[in-house]
N, C-alpha and C. Protein backbone atom coordinates (compact mmCIF):
# COMPACT_ATOMS: atom_id res chain seq x y z
N MET A 1 71.16 -145.05 -115.77
CA MET A 1 69.88 -144.64 -115.27
C MET A 1 70.30 -142.98 -115.22
N PHE A 2 71.20 -142.48 -115.31
CA PHE A 2 71.65 -140.68 -115.34
C PHE A 2 72.14 -140.77 -116.45
N GLY A 3 72.14 -141.31 -117.48
CA GLY A 3 72.96 -141.05 -119.17
C GLY A 3 72.06 -140.36 -119.50
N ILE A 4 72.42 -139.55 -120.67
CA ILE A 4 72.06 -138.56 -121.27
C ILE A 4 71.62 -139.64 -122.89
N SER A 5 70.14 -139.45 -123.14
CA SER A 5 69.84 -139.78 -124.04
C SER A 5 68.79 -139.14 -124.90
N PHE A 6 68.48 -139.22 -126.08
CA PHE A 6 67.54 -138.56 -126.69
C PHE A 6 66.52 -138.04 -126.51
N SER A 7 65.45 -139.07 -126.06
CA SER A 7 64.55 -138.89 -125.17
C SER A 7 64.41 -137.73 -124.34
N LYS A 8 65.35 -138.07 -123.43
CA LYS A 8 65.82 -137.00 -122.06
C LYS A 8 66.05 -135.33 -122.72
N VAL A 9 66.86 -135.38 -123.57
CA VAL A 9 67.13 -134.09 -124.16
C VAL A 9 65.81 -133.54 -124.64
N LEU A 10 65.45 -134.50 -125.58
CA LEU A 10 63.78 -134.04 -125.97
C LEU A 10 62.68 -133.48 -125.15
N LEU A 11 62.49 -134.55 -124.12
CA LEU A 11 61.78 -133.75 -122.84
C LEU A 11 62.25 -132.41 -122.35
N LEU A 12 63.48 -132.50 -122.06
CA LEU A 12 63.72 -131.20 -121.24
C LEU A 12 63.85 -130.03 -122.28
N VAL A 13 63.96 -130.17 -123.84
CA VAL A 13 63.87 -129.20 -124.82
C VAL A 13 62.04 -128.80 -124.41
N ALA A 14 61.46 -129.82 -124.54
CA ALA A 14 59.99 -129.62 -124.71
C ALA A 14 59.41 -128.75 -123.17
N VAL A 15 59.91 -128.99 -122.18
CA VAL A 15 59.56 -128.51 -120.99
C VAL A 15 60.20 -126.81 -120.91
N VAL A 16 61.41 -126.66 -121.48
CA VAL A 16 61.68 -125.42 -121.56
C VAL A 16 61.09 -124.48 -122.52
N ALA A 17 60.50 -125.05 -123.68
CA ALA A 17 59.78 -124.27 -124.71
C ALA A 17 58.54 -124.25 -124.10
N ALA A 18 57.94 -125.07 -123.28
CA ALA A 18 56.40 -124.82 -122.39
C ALA A 18 56.45 -123.48 -121.75
N ILE A 19 57.85 -123.64 -120.85
CA ILE A 19 57.92 -122.67 -119.94
C ILE A 19 57.90 -121.21 -120.37
N TRP A 20 59.07 -121.34 -121.71
CA TRP A 20 59.22 -120.00 -122.37
C TRP A 20 58.26 -119.50 -123.00
N PHE A 21 57.32 -120.50 -123.68
CA PHE A 21 56.14 -119.55 -124.04
C PHE A 21 54.93 -119.54 -123.41
N GLY A 22 54.93 -120.12 -122.02
CA GLY A 22 53.69 -119.54 -121.16
C GLY A 22 54.36 -118.53 -120.51
N PHE A 23 55.42 -118.18 -120.21
CA PHE A 23 55.87 -116.77 -119.77
C PHE A 23 55.57 -115.74 -120.95
N ARG A 24 55.80 -115.85 -121.92
CA ARG A 24 55.37 -114.87 -123.06
C ARG A 24 54.28 -114.68 -122.97
N TRP A 25 53.36 -115.90 -123.06
CA TRP A 25 51.80 -115.60 -122.84
C TRP A 25 51.19 -114.59 -121.73
N PHE A 26 51.93 -114.91 -120.67
CA PHE A 26 51.29 -114.40 -119.52
C PHE A 26 51.99 -112.88 -119.77
N GLN A 27 52.94 -112.60 -120.28
CA GLN A 27 53.52 -111.15 -120.05
C GLN A 27 52.55 -110.55 -121.32
N ARG A 28 52.18 -111.14 -122.20
CA ARG A 28 51.30 -110.43 -123.17
C ARG A 28 49.87 -110.17 -122.74
N TRP A 29 49.40 -111.24 -122.12
CA TRP A 29 48.01 -111.16 -121.80
C TRP A 29 48.11 -110.18 -120.34
N GLU A 30 49.15 -110.00 -119.52
CA GLU A 30 49.27 -109.10 -118.47
C GLU A 30 49.27 -107.44 -119.41
N LYS A 31 49.78 -107.41 -120.21
CA LYS A 31 50.15 -106.09 -120.85
C LYS A 31 48.57 -105.75 -121.71
N GLU A 32 48.12 -106.78 -122.35
CA GLU A 32 46.69 -106.48 -122.69
C GLU A 32 45.89 -106.07 -121.73
N ARG A 33 45.69 -106.52 -120.60
CA ARG A 33 44.76 -106.25 -119.48
C ARG A 33 45.27 -104.91 -118.83
N ARG A 34 46.33 -104.70 -119.07
CA ARG A 34 46.67 -103.06 -118.07
C ARG A 34 46.30 -102.07 -119.32
N GLU A 35 46.49 -102.14 -120.62
CA GLU A 35 46.15 -101.39 -121.54
C GLU A 35 44.82 -101.25 -121.75
N ARG A 36 43.99 -102.60 -121.43
CA ARG A 36 42.32 -102.36 -121.43
C ARG A 36 42.00 -101.64 -120.25
N SER A 37 42.61 -101.59 -119.19
CA SER A 37 42.09 -101.28 -117.90
C SER A 37 42.63 -99.66 -117.99
N GLU A 38 43.63 -99.17 -118.71
CA GLU A 38 43.91 -97.65 -118.96
C GLU A 38 42.93 -97.17 -119.72
N ARG A 39 42.63 -97.78 -120.76
CA ARG A 39 41.83 -97.22 -122.03
C ARG A 39 40.02 -97.04 -121.20
N GLU A 40 39.81 -97.91 -120.35
CA GLU A 40 38.46 -98.11 -119.63
C GLU A 40 38.59 -96.68 -119.02
N GLU A 41 39.69 -96.47 -118.11
CA GLU A 41 39.58 -95.31 -117.32
C GLU A 41 39.46 -94.15 -118.51
N GLU A 42 40.55 -93.70 -119.22
CA GLU A 42 40.39 -92.78 -119.99
C GLU A 42 39.27 -92.77 -120.57
N GLY A 43 38.42 -93.60 -120.97
CA GLY A 43 37.02 -93.43 -121.40
C GLY A 43 36.08 -92.85 -120.52
N SER A 44 36.15 -93.70 -119.30
CA SER A 44 35.30 -93.03 -118.31
C SER A 44 35.54 -91.55 -117.76
N ARG A 45 36.73 -91.25 -118.07
CA ARG A 45 37.15 -89.85 -117.59
C ARG A 45 36.52 -89.09 -118.77
N LEU A 46 36.75 -89.31 -120.07
CA LEU A 46 36.79 -88.46 -120.96
C LEU A 46 34.84 -88.47 -121.25
N GLY A 47 34.10 -89.70 -120.86
CA GLY A 47 32.78 -89.72 -120.85
C GLY A 47 32.30 -88.75 -119.83
N ARG A 48 32.95 -88.37 -118.55
CA ARG A 48 32.39 -87.41 -117.83
C ARG A 48 32.54 -86.13 -118.22
N ASP A 49 34.19 -85.87 -118.71
CA ASP A 49 34.06 -84.49 -119.38
C ASP A 49 32.94 -84.29 -120.40
N ALA A 50 32.76 -85.31 -121.38
CA ALA A 50 31.99 -84.93 -122.59
C ALA A 50 30.10 -84.84 -122.19
N SER A 51 29.85 -85.39 -121.10
CA SER A 51 28.52 -85.21 -120.56
C SER A 51 28.50 -83.60 -120.25
N ALA A 52 29.43 -83.38 -119.62
CA ALA A 52 29.39 -81.81 -119.03
C ALA A 52 29.39 -80.97 -120.15
N ARG A 53 29.88 -81.29 -121.41
CA ARG A 53 30.10 -80.25 -122.53
C ARG A 53 28.79 -80.93 -123.72
N SER A 54 28.23 -81.89 -123.13
CA SER A 54 27.01 -82.46 -124.61
C SER A 54 26.28 -81.53 -124.98
N ASP A 55 25.88 -80.08 -124.21
CA ASP A 55 24.85 -79.27 -124.93
C ASP A 55 25.64 -78.45 -125.89
N ASP A 56 27.03 -78.23 -125.92
CA ASP A 56 27.92 -77.65 -126.71
C ASP A 56 27.86 -78.31 -128.12
N ARG A 57 27.83 -79.40 -128.19
CA ARG A 57 28.20 -79.98 -129.86
C ARG A 57 26.59 -80.27 -130.46
N GLN A 58 27.24 -79.96 -131.43
CA GLN A 58 25.89 -79.99 -132.48
C GLN A 58 26.21 -80.90 -133.77
N THR A 59 25.26 -81.65 -134.61
CA THR A 59 25.79 -82.38 -135.76
C THR A 59 25.41 -81.51 -136.95
N GLU A 60 26.07 -82.05 -137.77
CA GLU A 60 25.82 -81.32 -138.98
C GLU A 60 25.58 -82.16 -140.11
N VAL A 61 24.56 -81.43 -140.91
CA VAL A 61 23.76 -82.28 -142.25
C VAL A 61 24.68 -82.43 -143.06
N MET A 62 25.08 -83.65 -143.72
CA MET A 62 25.95 -83.97 -144.60
C MET A 62 25.04 -84.60 -145.93
N THR A 63 25.67 -84.18 -147.12
CA THR A 63 24.82 -84.58 -148.47
C THR A 63 25.99 -85.04 -149.33
N ALA A 64 25.42 -85.96 -150.31
CA ALA A 64 26.49 -86.76 -151.24
C ALA A 64 26.61 -85.65 -152.29
N CYS A 65 27.57 -85.86 -152.74
CA CYS A 65 28.36 -85.20 -154.07
C CYS A 65 27.49 -85.80 -155.10
N ARG A 66 26.76 -85.25 -156.28
CA ARG A 66 26.33 -85.91 -157.24
C ARG A 66 27.58 -86.48 -158.05
N ILE A 67 28.74 -85.86 -158.39
CA ILE A 67 29.72 -86.25 -159.20
C ILE A 67 30.89 -87.21 -158.21
N CYS A 68 31.33 -87.09 -157.37
CA CYS A 68 32.44 -87.88 -156.88
C CYS A 68 32.10 -88.73 -155.83
N GLY A 69 30.31 -88.53 -155.26
CA GLY A 69 29.74 -89.64 -154.43
C GLY A 69 30.28 -89.43 -152.83
N THR A 70 31.30 -88.50 -152.54
CA THR A 70 31.98 -88.22 -151.18
C THR A 70 30.56 -87.29 -150.42
N TYR A 71 30.78 -87.54 -149.14
CA TYR A 71 29.59 -86.68 -148.31
C TYR A 71 30.37 -85.63 -147.89
N VAL A 72 29.48 -84.43 -148.06
CA VAL A 72 30.32 -83.26 -147.53
C VAL A 72 29.31 -82.26 -146.75
N ALA A 73 29.67 -81.64 -145.87
CA ALA A 73 28.83 -80.78 -145.17
C ALA A 73 28.20 -79.59 -146.22
N GLN A 74 26.86 -79.19 -145.74
CA GLN A 74 25.98 -78.41 -146.35
C GLN A 74 26.68 -77.11 -146.43
N GLY A 75 26.72 -76.29 -147.73
CA GLY A 75 27.47 -75.00 -147.58
C GLY A 75 29.10 -75.23 -147.82
N ALA A 76 29.58 -76.74 -148.40
CA ALA A 76 30.64 -76.71 -148.64
C ALA A 76 31.59 -76.09 -149.66
N ARG A 77 32.50 -75.99 -149.71
CA ARG A 77 33.49 -75.52 -151.06
C ARG A 77 33.36 -76.38 -152.02
N SER A 78 34.09 -76.02 -153.32
CA SER A 78 34.04 -76.82 -154.58
C SER A 78 35.33 -77.79 -154.08
N CYS A 79 35.11 -78.99 -154.43
CA CYS A 79 36.27 -79.96 -154.72
C CYS A 79 37.20 -79.52 -155.61
N GLY A 80 37.01 -79.03 -156.78
CA GLY A 80 38.17 -78.50 -157.58
C GLY A 80 37.63 -79.66 -158.99
N ARG A 81 37.02 -80.40 -158.68
CA ARG A 81 36.69 -81.51 -159.94
C ARG A 81 35.64 -80.73 -160.80
N PRO A 82 35.90 -80.83 -162.24
CA PRO A 82 34.80 -80.51 -163.31
C PRO A 82 33.54 -80.56 -163.02
N ARG A 83 32.71 -79.90 -163.20
CA ARG A 83 31.06 -80.30 -162.66
C ARG A 83 30.74 -80.33 -161.40
N CYS A 84 31.96 -79.77 -160.46
CA CYS A 84 31.20 -79.94 -159.00
C CYS A 84 30.12 -79.10 -158.51
N PRO A 85 28.92 -79.47 -158.25
CA PRO A 85 27.85 -78.81 -157.82
C PRO A 85 28.12 -77.82 -156.56
N PHE A 86 28.88 -77.78 -156.03
CA PHE A 86 29.06 -76.78 -155.00
C PHE A 86 29.90 -75.89 -155.29
N PRO A 87 29.37 -74.22 -154.90
CA PRO A 87 30.00 -73.13 -155.16
C PRO A 87 31.47 -73.37 -154.93
N GLY A 88 32.48 -72.55 -155.65
CA GLY A 88 33.76 -72.13 -155.32
C GLY A 88 34.14 -71.23 -154.65
């Protein structure tokens, strides 16, 4: 009745593995939840700061370089490539 058999050892290993992996999953879930709440708090704090400075920000018009295809700000300097259309 209380003898050790292969099926009992296998069941014991399965139970221990289930508890182990369940515990690890719970720790990972808790860490992600904590990080998500910290990011949300940081975002809301930054959002409040940004809304106070929203009038200070301006957008810049970007144009594609005819030679290399990258987008650069208007009035940018030469990238150093031959035939670069921007002044050096």
